[in-house]
Amino acid sequence: MTEITVGSVDDLPVCEGRAFAVDGRQIAVFRLRNGSLRALDAVCPHQGGPLADGLADDRVVVCPLHSYTYDLETGREISNGGPSVDTYPVRADEAGAIHLSIPECNGAPA
């Protein structure tokens, strides 16, 4: 895994998401009510909806286009049996910087 710093927790309101471009992909990071972070693909595989703009709570995010609902922990689509999205390890350091871990393929980020 490669760890990449993408922003600051202070710029991420509680229960909202932000999309970050990371190694050719869009990843949405959400800040939950308890202060923890979740990260998953920012594009809904159903019809390309922006998941970072979806309604989120501490468990799921709802795509703003067609209401497909994704579990923030697993990436599983739980409303319509649609395709899942990838999730990514994410953490904040003591200074509040957000760090994403991205899988590597053959020594390079995927």
PDB file of N, CA and C in Angstrom:
ATOM      1  N   MET A   1       0.845  -1.186   0.000  1.00  0.00           N
ATOM      2  CA  MET A   1       0.000   0.000   0.000  1.00  0.00           C
ATOM      3  C   MET A   1       0.881   1.237   0.000  1.00  0.00           C
ATOM      4  N   THR A   2       0.413   2.251  -0.692  1.00  0.00           N
ATOM      5  CA  THR A   2       1.054   3.554  -0.691  1.00  0.00           C
ATOM      6  C   THR A   2       0.150   4.511   0.060  1.00  0.00           C
ATOM      7  N   GLU A   3       0.729   5.275   0.978  1.00  0.00           N
ATOM      8  CA  GLU A   3      -0.065   6.237   1.732  1.00  0.00           C
ATOM      9  C   GLU A   3       0.117   7.626   1.127  1.00  0.00           C
ATOM     10  N   ILE A   4      -1.027   8.302   0.878  1.00  0.00           N
ATOM     11  CA  ILE A   4      -1.022   9.612   0.246  1.00  0.00           C
ATOM     12  C   ILE A   4      -1.808  10.581   1.120  1.00  0.00           C
ATOM     13  N   THR A   5      -1.259  11.773   1.341  1.00  0.00           N
ATOM     14  CA  THR A   5      -1.955  12.817   2.083  1.00  0.00           C
ATOM     15  C   THR A   5      -2.812  13.600   1.104  1.00  0.00           C
ATOM     16  N   VAL A   6      -4.113  13.759   1.431  1.00  0.00           N
ATOM     17  CA  VAL A   6      -5.034  14.394   0.483  1.00  0.00           C
ATOM     18  C   VAL A   6      -5.634  15.706   0.978  1.00  0.00           C
ATOM     19  N   GLY A   7      -5.607  15.992   2.244  1.00  0.00           N
ATOM     20  CA  GLY A   7      -6.218  17.220   2.737  1.00  0.00           C
ATOM     21  C   GLY A   7      -6.230  17.254   4.249  1.00  0.00           C
ATOM     22  N   SER A   8      -7.080  18.121   4.780  1.00  0.00           N
ATOM     23  CA  SER A   8      -7.184  18.314   6.219  1.00  0.00           C
ATOM     24  C   SER A   8      -8.581  17.963   6.713  1.00  0.00           C
ATOM     25  N   VAL A   9      -8.647  17.352   7.881  1.00  0.00           N
ATOM     26  CA  VAL A   9      -9.926  17.038   8.504  1.00  0.00           C
ATOM     27  C   VAL A   9     -10.734  18.315   8.730  1.00  0.00           C
ATOM     28  N   ASP A  10     -10.069  19.422   9.006  1.00  0.00           N
ATOM     29  CA  ASP A  10     -10.762  20.688   9.243  1.00  0.00           C
ATOM     30  C   ASP A  10     -11.558  21.155   8.029  1.00  0.00           C
ATOM     31  N   ASP A  11     -11.204  20.706   6.840  1.00  0.00           N
ATOM     32  CA  ASP A  11     -11.902  21.080   5.613  1.00  0.00           C
ATOM     33  C   ASP A  11     -13.030  20.118   5.256  1.00  0.00           C
ATOM     34  N   LEU A  12     -13.289  19.144   6.121  1.00  0.00           N
ATOM     35  CA  LEU A  12     -14.285  18.112   5.857  1.00  0.00           C
ATOM     36  C   LEU A  12     -15.376  18.166   6.925  1.00  0.00           C
ATOM     37  N   PRO A  13     -16.535  18.795   6.608  1.00  0.00           N
ATOM     38  CA  PRO A  13     -17.612  18.882   7.601  1.00  0.00           C
ATOM     39  C   PRO A  13     -18.124  17.505   8.015  1.00  0.00           C
ATOM     40  N   VAL A  14     -18.614  17.406   9.237  1.00  0.00           N
ATOM     41  CA  VAL A  14     -19.162  16.156   9.760  1.00  0.00           C
ATOM     42  C   VAL A  14     -20.334  15.699   8.883  1.00  0.00           C
ATOM     43  N   CYS A  15     -20.353  14.410   8.564  1.00  0.00           N
ATOM     44  CA  CYS A  15     -21.387  13.759   7.746  1.00  0.00           C
ATOM     45  C   CYS A  15     -21.418  14.256   6.309  1.00  0.00           C
ATOM     46  N   GLU A  16     -20.293  14.772   5.833  1.00  0.00           N
ATOM     47  CA  GLU A  16     -20.180  15.159   4.435  1.00  0.00           C
ATOM     48  C   GLU A  16     -18.958  14.500   3.830  1.00  0.00           C
ATOM     49  N   GLY A  17     -18.951  14.444   2.516  1.00  0.00           N
ATOM     50  CA  GLY A  17     -17.842  13.854   1.802  1.00  0.00           C
ATOM     51  C   GLY A  17     -17.163  14.858   0.894  1.00  0.00           C
ATOM     52  N   ARG A  18     -15.938  14.550   0.530  1.00  0.00           N
ATOM     53  CA  ARG A  18     -15.171  15.316  -0.441  1.00  0.00           C
ATOM     54  C   ARG A  18     -14.483  14.322  -1.356  1.00  0.00           C
ATOM     55  N   ALA A  19     -14.442  14.652  -2.640  1.00  0.00           N
ATOM     56  CA  ALA A  19     -13.752  13.799  -3.604  1.00  0.00           C
ATOM     57  C   ALA A  19     -12.329  14.297  -3.798  1.00  0.00           C
ATOM     58  N   PHE A  20     -11.413  13.347  -3.889  1.00  0.00           N
ATOM     59  CA  PHE A  20     -10.009  13.649  -4.123  1.00  0.00           C
ATOM     60  C   PHE A  20      -9.532  12.815  -5.313  1.00  0.00           C
ATOM     61  N   ALA A  21      -8.761  13.428  -6.197  1.00  0.00           N
ATOM     62  CA  ALA A  21      -8.148  12.706  -7.311  1.00  0.00           C
ATOM     63  C   ALA A  21      -6.851  12.092  -6.802  1.00  0.00           C
ATOM     64  N   VAL A  22      -6.768  10.762  -6.876  1.00  0.00           N
ATOM     65  CA  VAL A  22      -5.604  10.041  -6.372  1.00  0.00           C
ATOM     66  C   VAL A  22      -5.196   8.985  -7.396  1.00  0.00           C
ATOM     67  N   ASP A  23      -4.021   9.157  -7.976  1.00  0.00           N
ATOM     68  CA  ASP A  23      -3.475   8.178  -8.918  1.00  0.00           C
ATOM     69  C   ASP A  23      -4.475   7.753  -9.987  1.00  0.00           C
ATOM     70  N   GLY A  24      -5.127   8.718 -10.610  1.00  0.00           N
ATOM     71  CA  GLY A  24      -6.030   8.428 -11.714  1.00  0.00           C
ATOM     72  C   GLY A  24      -7.414   7.949 -11.325  1.00  0.00           C
ATOM     73  N   ARG A  25      -7.734   7.995 -10.065  1.00  0.00           N
ATOM     74  CA  ARG A  25      -9.069   7.597  -9.618  1.00  0.00           C
ATOM     75  C   ARG A  25      -9.640   8.674  -8.708  1.00  0.00           C
ATOM     76  N   GLN A  26     -10.953   8.675  -8.569  1.00  0.00           N
ATOM     77  CA  GLN A  26     -11.633   9.593  -7.662  1.00  0.00           C
ATOM     78  C   GLN A  26     -12.019   8.817  -6.400  1.00  0.00           C
ATOM     79  N   ILE A  27     -11.621   9.346  -5.252  1.00  0.00           N
ATOM     80  CA  ILE A  27     -11.927   8.704  -3.975  1.00  0.00           C
ATOM     81  C   ILE A  27     -12.656   9.708  -3.090  1.00  0.00           C
ATOM     82  N   ALA A  28     -13.789   9.286  -2.533  1.00  0.00           N
ATOM     83  CA  ALA A  28     -14.569  10.125  -1.627  1.00  0.00           C
ATOM     84  C   ALA A  28     -14.186   9.800  -0.193  1.00  0.00           C
ATOM     85  N   VAL A  29     -13.927  10.828   0.587  1.00  0.00           N
ATOM     86  CA  VAL A  29     -13.623  10.670   2.009  1.00  0.00           C
ATOM     87  C   VAL A  29     -14.755  11.325   2.797  1.00  0.00           C
ATOM     88  N   PHE A  30     -15.275  10.586   3.774  1.00  0.00           N
ATOM     89  CA  PHE A  30     -16.368  11.062   4.616  1.00  0.00           C
ATOM     90  C   PHE A  30     -15.897  11.160   6.059  1.00  0.00           C
ATOM     91  N   ARG A  31     -16.349  12.204   6.750  1.00  0.00           N
ATOM     92  CA  ARG A  31     -16.079  12.376   8.178  1.00  0.00           C
ATOM     93  C   ARG A  31     -17.377  12.066   8.927  1.00  0.00           C
ATOM     94  N   LEU A  32     -17.343  11.066   9.784  1.00  0.00           N
ATOM     95  CA  LEU A  32     -18.533  10.620  10.497  1.00  0.00           C
ATOM     96  C   LEU A  32     -18.744  11.420  11.776  1.00  0.00           C
ATOM     97  N   ARG A  33     -19.906  11.279  12.362  1.00  0.00           N
ATOM     98  CA  ARG A  33     -20.258  12.019  13.589  1.00  0.00           C
ATOM     99  C   ARG A  33     -19.278  11.774  14.730  1.00  0.00           C
ATOM    100  N   ASN A  34     -18.757  10.547  14.797  1.00  0.00           N
ATOM    101  CA  ASN A  34     -17.830  10.219  15.883  1.00  0.00           C
ATOM    102  C   ASN A  34     -16.396  10.664  15.584  1.00  0.00           C
ATOM    103  N   GLY A  35     -16.202  11.340  14.455  1.00  0.00           N
ATOM    104  CA  GLY A  35     -14.885  11.851  14.092  1.00  0.00           C
ATOM    105  C   GLY A  35     -14.065  10.916  13.233  1.00  0.00           C
ATOM    106  N   SER A  36     -14.516   9.665  13.079  1.00  0.00           N
ATOM    107  CA  SER A  36     -13.761   8.728  12.244  1.00  0.00           C
ATOM    108  C   SER A  36     -13.960   9.061  10.768  1.00  0.00           C
ATOM    109  N   LEU A  37     -13.092   8.512   9.936  1.00  0.00           N
ATOM    110  CA  LEU A  37     -13.127   8.744   8.497  1.00  0.00           C
ATOM    111  C   LEU A  37     -13.408   7.449   7.752  1.00  0.00           C
ATOM    112  N   ARG A  38     -14.050   7.559   6.600  1.00  0.00           N
ATOM    113  CA  ARG A  38     -14.270   6.430   5.692  1.00  0.00           C
ATOM    114  C   ARG A  38     -13.933   6.903   4.292  1.00  0.00           C
ATOM    115  N   ALA A  39     -13.416   6.006   3.469  1.00  0.00           N
ATOM    116  CA  ALA A  39     -13.071   6.352   2.091  1.00  0.00           C
ATOM    117  C   ALA A  39     -13.527   5.238   1.155  1.00  0.00           C
ATOM    118  N   LEU A  40     -14.115   5.650   0.037  1.00  0.00           N
ATOM    119  CA  LEU A  40     -14.548   4.700  -0.987  1.00  0.00           C
ATOM    120  C   LEU A  40     -14.517   5.394  -2.343  1.00  0.00           C
ATOM    121  N   ASP A  41     -14.694   4.594  -3.406  1.00  0.00           N
ATOM    122  CA  ASP A  41     -14.716   5.174  -4.740  1.00  0.00           C
ATOM    123  C   ASP A  41     -15.742   6.299  -4.790  1.00  0.00           C
ATOM    124  N   ALA A  42     -15.409   7.386  -5.458  1.00  0.00           N
ATOM    125  CA  ALA A  42     -16.283   8.559  -5.485  1.00  0.00           C
ATOM    126  C   ALA A  42     -17.317   8.517  -6.599  1.00  0.00           C
ATOM    127  N   VAL A  43     -17.232   7.510  -7.467  1.00  0.00           N
ATOM    128  CA  VAL A  43     -18.147   7.429  -8.600  1.00  0.00           C
ATOM    129  C   VAL A  43     -19.033   6.201  -8.450  1.00  0.00           C
ATOM    130  N   CYS A  44     -20.335   6.423  -8.456  1.00  0.00           N
ATOM    131  CA  CYS A  44     -21.302   5.322  -8.377  1.00  0.00           C
ATOM    132  C   CYS A  44     -21.228   4.504  -9.669  1.00  0.00           C
ATOM    133  N   PRO A  45     -21.044   3.189  -9.566  1.00  0.00           N
ATOM    134  CA  PRO A  45     -20.944   2.368 -10.774  1.00  0.00           C
ATOM    135  C   PRO A  45     -22.266   2.229 -11.524  1.00  0.00           C
ATOM    136  N   HIS A  46     -23.373   2.610 -10.892  1.00  0.00           N
ATOM    137  CA  HIS A  46     -24.674   2.495 -11.545  1.00  0.00           C
ATOM    138  C   HIS A  46     -24.740   3.409 -12.770  1.00  0.00           C
ATOM    139  N   GLN A  47     -24.576   4.727 -12.554  1.00  0.00           N
ATOM    140  CA  GLN A  47     -24.586   5.654 -13.684  1.00  0.00           C
ATOM    141  C   GLN A  47     -23.668   6.848 -13.455  1.00  0.00           C
ATOM    142  N   GLY A  48     -22.602   6.629 -12.725  1.00  0.00           N
ATOM    143  CA  GLY A  48     -21.580   7.651 -12.578  1.00  0.00           C
ATOM    144  C   GLY A  48     -21.898   8.782 -11.622  1.00  0.00           C
ATOM    145  N   GLY A  49     -22.832   8.582 -10.714  1.00  0.00           N
ATOM    146  CA  GLY A  49     -23.185   9.627  -9.758  1.00  0.00           C
ATOM    147  C   GLY A  49     -22.034   9.965  -8.827  1.00  0.00           C
ATOM    148  N   PRO A  50     -21.965  11.225  -8.382  1.00  0.00           N
ATOM    149  CA  PRO A  50     -20.887  11.667  -7.488  1.00  0.00           C
ATOM    150  C   PRO A  50     -21.179  11.301  -6.031  1.00  0.00           C
ATOM    151  N   LEU A  51     -20.632  10.199  -5.561  1.00  0.00           N
ATOM    152  CA  LEU A  51     -20.928   9.736  -4.198  1.00  0.00           C
ATOM    153  C   LEU A  51     -20.513  10.739  -3.122  1.00  0.00           C
ATOM    154  N   ALA A  52     -19.480  11.524  -3.368  1.00  0.00           N
ATOM    155  CA  ALA A  52     -19.057  12.513  -2.373  1.00  0.00           C
ATOM    156  C   ALA A  52     -20.142  13.554  -2.126  1.00  0.00           C
ATOM    157  N   ASP A  53     -21.068  13.723  -3.075  1.00  0.00           N
ATOM    158  CA  ASP A  53     -22.168  14.677  -2.930  1.00  0.00           C
ATOM    159  C   ASP A  53     -23.424  14.033  -2.348  1.00  0.00           C
ATOM    160  N   GLY A  54     -23.358  12.737  -2.058  1.00  0.00           N
ATOM    161  CA  GLY A  54     -24.527  12.026  -1.557  1.00  0.00           C
ATOM    162  C   GLY A  54     -24.803  12.297  -0.095  1.00  0.00           C
ATOM    163  N   LEU A  55     -26.004  11.920   0.331  1.00  0.00           N
ATOM    164  CA  LEU A  55     -26.375  12.017   1.743  1.00  0.00           C
ATOM    165  C   LEU A  55     -25.670  10.907   2.503  1.00  0.00           C
ATOM    166  N   ALA A  56     -25.059  11.250   3.628  1.00  0.00           N
ATOM    167  CA  ALA A  56     -24.314  10.258   4.405  1.00  0.00           C
ATOM    168  C   ALA A  56     -24.718  10.326   5.867  1.00  0.00           C
ATOM    169  N   ASP A  57     -24.630   9.165   6.522  1.00  0.00           N
ATOM    170  CA  ASP A  57     -24.744   9.113   7.974  1.00  0.00           C
ATOM    171  C   ASP A  57     -23.552   8.300   8.466  1.00  0.00           C
ATOM    172  N   ASP A  58     -23.628   7.717   9.625  1.00  0.00           N
ATOM    173  CA  ASP A  58     -22.486   6.965  10.143  1.00  0.00           C
ATOM    174  C   ASP A  58     -22.360   5.574   9.551  1.00  0.00           C
ATOM    175  N   ARG A  59     -23.261   5.194   8.677  1.00  0.00           N
ATOM    176  CA  ARG A  59     -23.253   3.834   8.144  1.00  0.00           C
ATOM    177  C   ARG A  59     -23.232   3.765   6.629  1.00  0.00           C
ATOM    178  N   VAL A  60     -23.940   4.682   5.955  1.00  0.00           N
ATOM    179  CA  VAL A  60     -24.102   4.594   4.503  1.00  0.00           C
ATOM    180  C   VAL A  60     -23.986   5.958   3.843  1.00  0.00           C
ATOM    181  N   VAL A  61     -23.787   5.914   2.524  1.00  0.00           N
ATOM    182  CA  VAL A  61     -23.913   7.096   1.672  1.00  0.00           C
ATOM    183  C   VAL A  61     -24.901   6.736   0.564  1.00  0.00           C
ATOM    184  N   VAL A  62     -25.776   7.684   0.222  1.00  0.00           N
ATOM    185  CA  VAL A  62     -26.796   7.483  -0.799  1.00  0.00           C
ATOM    186  C   VAL A  62     -26.422   8.310  -2.026  1.00  0.00           C
ATOM    187  N   CYS A  63     -26.312   7.649  -3.176  1.00  0.00           N
ATOM    188  CA  CYS A  63     -25.973   8.332  -4.414  1.00  0.00           C
ATOM    189  C   CYS A  63     -27.048   9.378  -4.728  1.00  0.00           C
ATOM    190  N   PRO A  64     -26.639  10.603  -5.076  1.00  0.00           N
ATOM    191  CA  PRO A  64     -27.622  11.651  -5.325  1.00  0.00           C
ATOM    192  C   PRO A  64     -28.399  11.486  -6.634  1.00  0.00           C
ATOM    193  N   LEU A  65     -27.968  10.614  -7.527  1.00  0.00           N
ATOM    194  CA  LEU A  65     -28.680  10.459  -8.797  1.00  0.00           C
ATOM    195  C   LEU A  65     -29.857   9.504  -8.730  1.00  0.00           C
ATOM    196  N   HIS A  66     -29.642   8.288  -8.228  1.00  0.00           N
ATOM    197  CA  HIS A  66     -30.698   7.279  -8.268  1.00  0.00           C
ATOM    198  C   HIS A  66     -30.870   6.533  -6.948  1.00  0.00           C
ATOM    199  N   SER A  67     -30.345   7.095  -5.863  1.00  0.00           N
ATOM    200  CA  SER A  67     -30.544   6.573  -4.507  1.00  0.00           C
ATOM    201  C   SER A  67     -29.940   5.194  -4.246  1.00  0.00           C
ATOM    202  N   TYR A  68     -28.950   4.786  -5.023  1.00  0.00           N
ATOM    203  CA  TYR A  68     -28.229   3.568  -4.660  1.00  0.00           C
ATOM    204  C   TYR A  68     -27.498   3.858  -3.352  1.00  0.00           C
ATOM    205  N   THR A  69     -27.501   2.901  -2.434  1.00  0.00           N
ATOM    206  CA  THR A  69     -26.982   3.110  -1.095  1.00  0.00           C
ATOM    207  C   THR A  69     -25.777   2.203  -0.853  1.00  0.00           C
ATOM    208  N   TYR A  70     -24.673   2.795  -0.409  1.00  0.00           N
ATOM    209  CA  TYR A  70     -23.423   2.060  -0.207  1.00  0.00           C
ATOM    210  C   TYR A  70     -23.015   2.074   1.253  1.00  0.00           C
ATOM    211  N   ASP A  71     -22.654   0.907   1.756  1.00  0.00           N
ATOM    212  CA  ASP A  71     -22.130   0.767   3.106  1.00  0.00           C
ATOM    213  C   ASP A  71     -20.749   1.433   3.136  1.00  0.00           C
ATOM    214  N   LEU A  72     -20.543   2.383   4.038  1.00  0.00           N
ATOM    215  CA  LEU A  72     -19.282   3.110   4.098  1.00  0.00           C
ATOM    216  C   LEU A  72     -18.118   2.255   4.581  1.00  0.00           C
ATOM    217  N   GLU A  73     -18.399   1.176   5.259  1.00  0.00           N
ATOM    218  CA  GLU A  73     -17.338   0.295   5.765  1.00  0.00           C
ATOM    219  C   GLU A  73     -16.889  -0.714   4.712  1.00  0.00           C
ATOM    220  N   THR A  74     -17.843  -1.286   3.985  1.00  0.00           N
ATOM    221  CA  THR A  74     -17.526  -2.382   3.059  1.00  0.00           C
ATOM    222  C   THR A  74     -17.599  -1.997   1.585  1.00  0.00           C
ATOM    223  N   GLY A  75     -18.305  -0.920   1.256  1.00  0.00           N
ATOM    224  CA  GLY A  75     -18.506  -0.529  -0.138  1.00  0.00           C
ATOM    225  C   GLY A  75     -19.637  -1.275  -0.817  1.00  0.00           C
ATOM    226  N   ARG A  76     -20.274  -2.181  -0.094  1.00  0.00           N
ATOM    227  CA  ARG A  76     -21.359  -2.988  -0.657  1.00  0.00           C
ATOM    228  C   ARG A  76     -22.590  -2.133  -0.924  1.00  0.00           C
ATOM    229  N   GLU A  77     -23.202  -2.331  -2.086  1.00  0.00           N
ATOM    230  CA  GLU A  77     -24.443  -1.631  -2.429  1.00  0.00           C
ATOM    231  C   GLU A  77     -25.568  -2.395  -1.763  1.00  0.00           C
ATOM    232  N   ILE A  78     -26.353  -1.729  -0.911  1.00  0.00           N
ATOM    233  CA  ILE A  78     -27.319  -2.448  -0.074  1.00  0.00           C
ATOM    234  C   ILE A  78     -28.776  -2.152  -0.403  1.00  0.00           C
ATOM    235  N   SER A  79     -29.055  -1.309  -1.394  1.00  0.00           N
ATOM    236  CA  SER A  79     -30.445  -0.965  -1.669  1.00  0.00           C
ATOM    237  C   SER A  79     -31.031  -1.692  -2.873  1.00  0.00           C
ATOM    238  N   ASN A  80     -30.225  -1.935  -3.886  1.00  0.00           N
ATOM    239  CA  ASN A  80     -30.732  -2.512  -5.129  1.00  0.00           C
ATOM    240  C   ASN A  80     -29.954  -3.736  -5.598  1.00  0.00           C
ATOM    241  N   GLY A  81     -29.012  -4.192  -4.809  1.00  0.00           N
ATOM    242  CA  GLY A  81     -28.206  -5.342  -5.223  1.00  0.00           C
ATOM    243  C   GLY A  81     -27.250  -5.027  -6.358  1.00  0.00           C
ATOM    244  N   GLY A  82     -26.912  -3.751  -6.508  1.00  0.00           N
ATOM    245  CA  GLY A  82     -26.000  -3.333  -7.573  1.00  0.00           C
ATOM    246  C   GLY A  82     -24.557  -3.640  -7.233  1.00  0.00           C
ATOM    247  N   PRO A  83     -23.649  -3.248  -8.120  1.00  0.00           N
ATOM    248  CA  PRO A  83     -22.224  -3.507  -7.879  1.00  0.00           C
ATOM    249  C   PRO A  83     -21.692  -2.706  -6.698  1.00  0.00           C
ATOM    250  N   SER A  84     -20.705  -3.259  -6.044  1.00  0.00           N
ATOM    251  CA  SER A  84     -20.053  -2.599  -4.914  1.00  0.00           C
ATOM    252  C   SER A  84     -19.017  -1.604  -5.421  1.00  0.00           C
ATOM    253  N   VAL A  85     -18.521  -0.779  -4.515  1.00  0.00           N
ATOM    254  CA  VAL A  85     -17.402   0.112  -4.798  1.00  0.00           C
ATOM    255  C   VAL A  85     -16.247  -0.283  -3.882  1.00  0.00           C
ATOM    256  N   ASP A  86     -15.045   0.077  -4.286  1.00  0.00           N
ATOM    257  CA  ASP A  86     -13.872  -0.213  -3.460  1.00  0.00           C
ATOM    258  C   ASP A  86     -13.814   0.744  -2.277  1.00  0.00           C
ATOM    259  N   THR A  87     -13.324   0.242  -1.160  1.00  0.00           N
ATOM    260  CA  THR A  87     -13.074   1.068   0.015  1.00  0.00           C
ATOM    261  C   THR A  87     -11.568   1.135   0.242  1.00  0.00           C
ATOM    262  N   TYR A  88     -11.137   2.138   0.994  1.00  0.00           N
ATOM    263  CA  TYR A  88      -9.717   2.367   1.206  1.00  0.00           C
ATOM    264  C   TYR A  88      -9.455   2.695   2.667  1.00  0.00           C
ATOM    265  N   PRO A  89      -8.342   2.194   3.209  1.00  0.00           N
ATOM    266  CA  PRO A  89      -7.958   2.596   4.564  1.00  0.00           C
ATOM    267  C   PRO A  89      -7.678   4.097   4.584  1.00  0.00           C
ATOM    268  N   VAL A  90      -8.186   4.772   5.602  1.00  0.00           N
ATOM    269  CA  VAL A  90      -7.997   6.217   5.721  1.00  0.00           C
ATOM    270  C   VAL A  90      -7.825   6.550   7.199  1.00  0.00           C
ATOM    271  N   ARG A  91      -7.002   7.558   7.467  1.00  0.00           N
ATOM    272  CA  ARG A  91      -6.784   7.976   8.843  1.00  0.00           C
ATOM    273  C   ARG A  91      -6.411   9.447   8.862  1.00  0.00           C
ATOM    274  N   ALA A  92      -6.544  10.042  10.027  1.00  0.00           N
ATOM    275  CA  ALA A  92      -6.068  11.405  10.254  1.00  0.00           C
ATOM    276  C   ALA A  92      -4.914  11.337  11.237  1.00  0.00           C
ATOM    277  N   ASP A  93      -3.882  12.119  10.983  1.00  0.00           N
ATOM    278  CA  ASP A  93      -2.769  12.153  11.934  1.00  0.00           C
ATOM    279  C   ASP A  93      -3.037  13.193  13.018  1.00  0.00           C
ATOM    280  N   GLU A  94      -2.090  13.364  13.944  1.00  0.00           N
ATOM    281  CA  GLU A  94      -2.264  14.266  15.075  1.00  0.00           C
ATOM    282  C   GLU A  94      -2.466  15.711  14.637  1.00  0.00           C
ATOM    283  N   ALA A  95      -1.936  16.087  13.476  1.00  0.00           N
ATOM    284  CA  ALA A  95      -2.063  17.451  12.968  1.00  0.00           C
ATOM    285  C   ALA A  95      -3.358  17.651  12.174  1.00  0.00           C
ATOM    286  N   GLY A  96      -4.114  16.569  11.956  1.00  0.00           N
ATOM    287  CA  GLY A  96      -5.371  16.674  11.227  1.00  0.00           C
ATOM    288  C   GLY A  96      -5.271  16.412   9.738  1.00  0.00           C
ATOM    289  N   ALA A  97      -4.116  15.981   9.254  1.00  0.00           N
ATOM    290  CA  ALA A  97      -3.970  15.649   7.831  1.00  0.00           C
ATOM    291  C   ALA A  97      -4.638  14.304   7.551  1.00  0.00           C
ATOM    292  N   ILE A  98      -5.319  14.210   6.412  1.00  0.00           N
ATOM    293  CA  ILE A  98      -5.994  12.971   5.996  1.00  0.00           C
ATOM    294  C   ILE A  98      -5.047  12.165   5.130  1.00  0.00           C
ATOM    295  N   HIS A  99      -4.859  10.879   5.510  1.00  0.00           N
ATOM    296  CA  HIS A  99      -3.975   9.981   4.774  1.00  0.00           C
ATOM    297  C   HIS A  99      -4.777   8.802   4.237  1.00  0.00           C
ATOM    298  N   LEU A 100      -4.699   8.590   2.917  1.00  0.00           N
ATOM    299  CA  LEU A 100      -5.333   7.435   2.266  1.00  0.00           C
ATOM    300  C   LEU A 100      -4.288   6.399   1.937  1.00  0.00           C
ATOM    301  N   SER A 101      -4.639   5.130   2.099  1.00  0.00           N
ATOM    302  CA  SER A 101      -3.759   4.036   1.695  1.00  0.00           C
ATOM    303  C   SER A 101      -4.321   3.451   0.399  1.00  0.00           C
ATOM    304  N   ILE A 102      -3.465   3.438  -0.627  1.00  0.00           N
ATOM    305  CA  ILE A 102      -3.866   2.985  -1.959  1.00  0.00           C
ATOM    306  C   ILE A 102      -3.107   1.712  -2.287  1.00  0.00           C
ATOM    307  N   PRO A 103      -3.806   0.671  -2.774  1.00  0.00           N
ATOM    308  CA  PRO A 103      -3.117  -0.579  -3.116  1.00  0.00           C
ATOM    309  C   PRO A 103      -2.128  -0.381  -4.260  1.00  0.00           C
ATOM    310  N   GLU A 104      -1.085  -1.159  -4.236  1.00  0.00           N
ATOM    311  CA  GLU A 104      -0.053  -1.095  -5.275  1.00  0.00           C
ATOM    312  C   GLU A 104      -0.193  -2.303  -6.202  1.00  0.00           C
ATOM    313  N   CYS A 105       0.127  -2.090  -7.459  1.00  0.00           N
ATOM    314  CA  CYS A 105       0.202  -3.171  -8.444  1.00  0.00           C
ATOM    315  C   CYS A 105       1.616  -3.199  -8.988  1.00  0.00           C
ATOM    316  N   ASN A 106       2.310  -4.296  -8.789  1.00  0.00           N
ATOM    317  CA  ASN A 106       3.680  -4.445  -9.277  1.00  0.00           C
ATOM    318  C   ASN A 106       4.595  -3.299  -8.818  1.00  0.00           C
ATOM    319  N   GLY A 107       4.443  -2.905  -7.563  1.00  0.00           N
ATOM    320  CA  GLY A 107       5.325  -1.887  -7.015  1.00  0.00           C
ATOM    321  C   GLY A 107       4.874  -0.459  -7.251  1.00  0.00           C
ATOM    322  N   ALA A 108       3.798  -0.246  -8.010  1.00  0.00           N
ATOM    323  CA  ALA A 108       3.297   1.104  -8.280  1.00  0.00           C
ATOM    324  C   ALA A 108       1.848   1.179  -7.834  1.00  0.00           C
ATOM    325  N   PRO A 109       1.375   2.377  -7.449  1.00  0.00           N
ATOM    326  CA  PRO A 109      -0.026   2.493  -7.073  1.00  0.00           C
ATOM    327  C   PRO A 109      -0.937   2.010  -8.191  1.00  0.00           C
ATOM    328  N   ALA A 110      -2.013   1.332  -7.820  1.00  0.00           N
ATOM    329  CA  ALA A 110      -2.943   0.783  -8.815  1.00  0.00           C
ATOM    330  C   ALA A 110      -3.745   1.882  -9.464  1.00  0.00           C
TER     331      ALA A 110
END
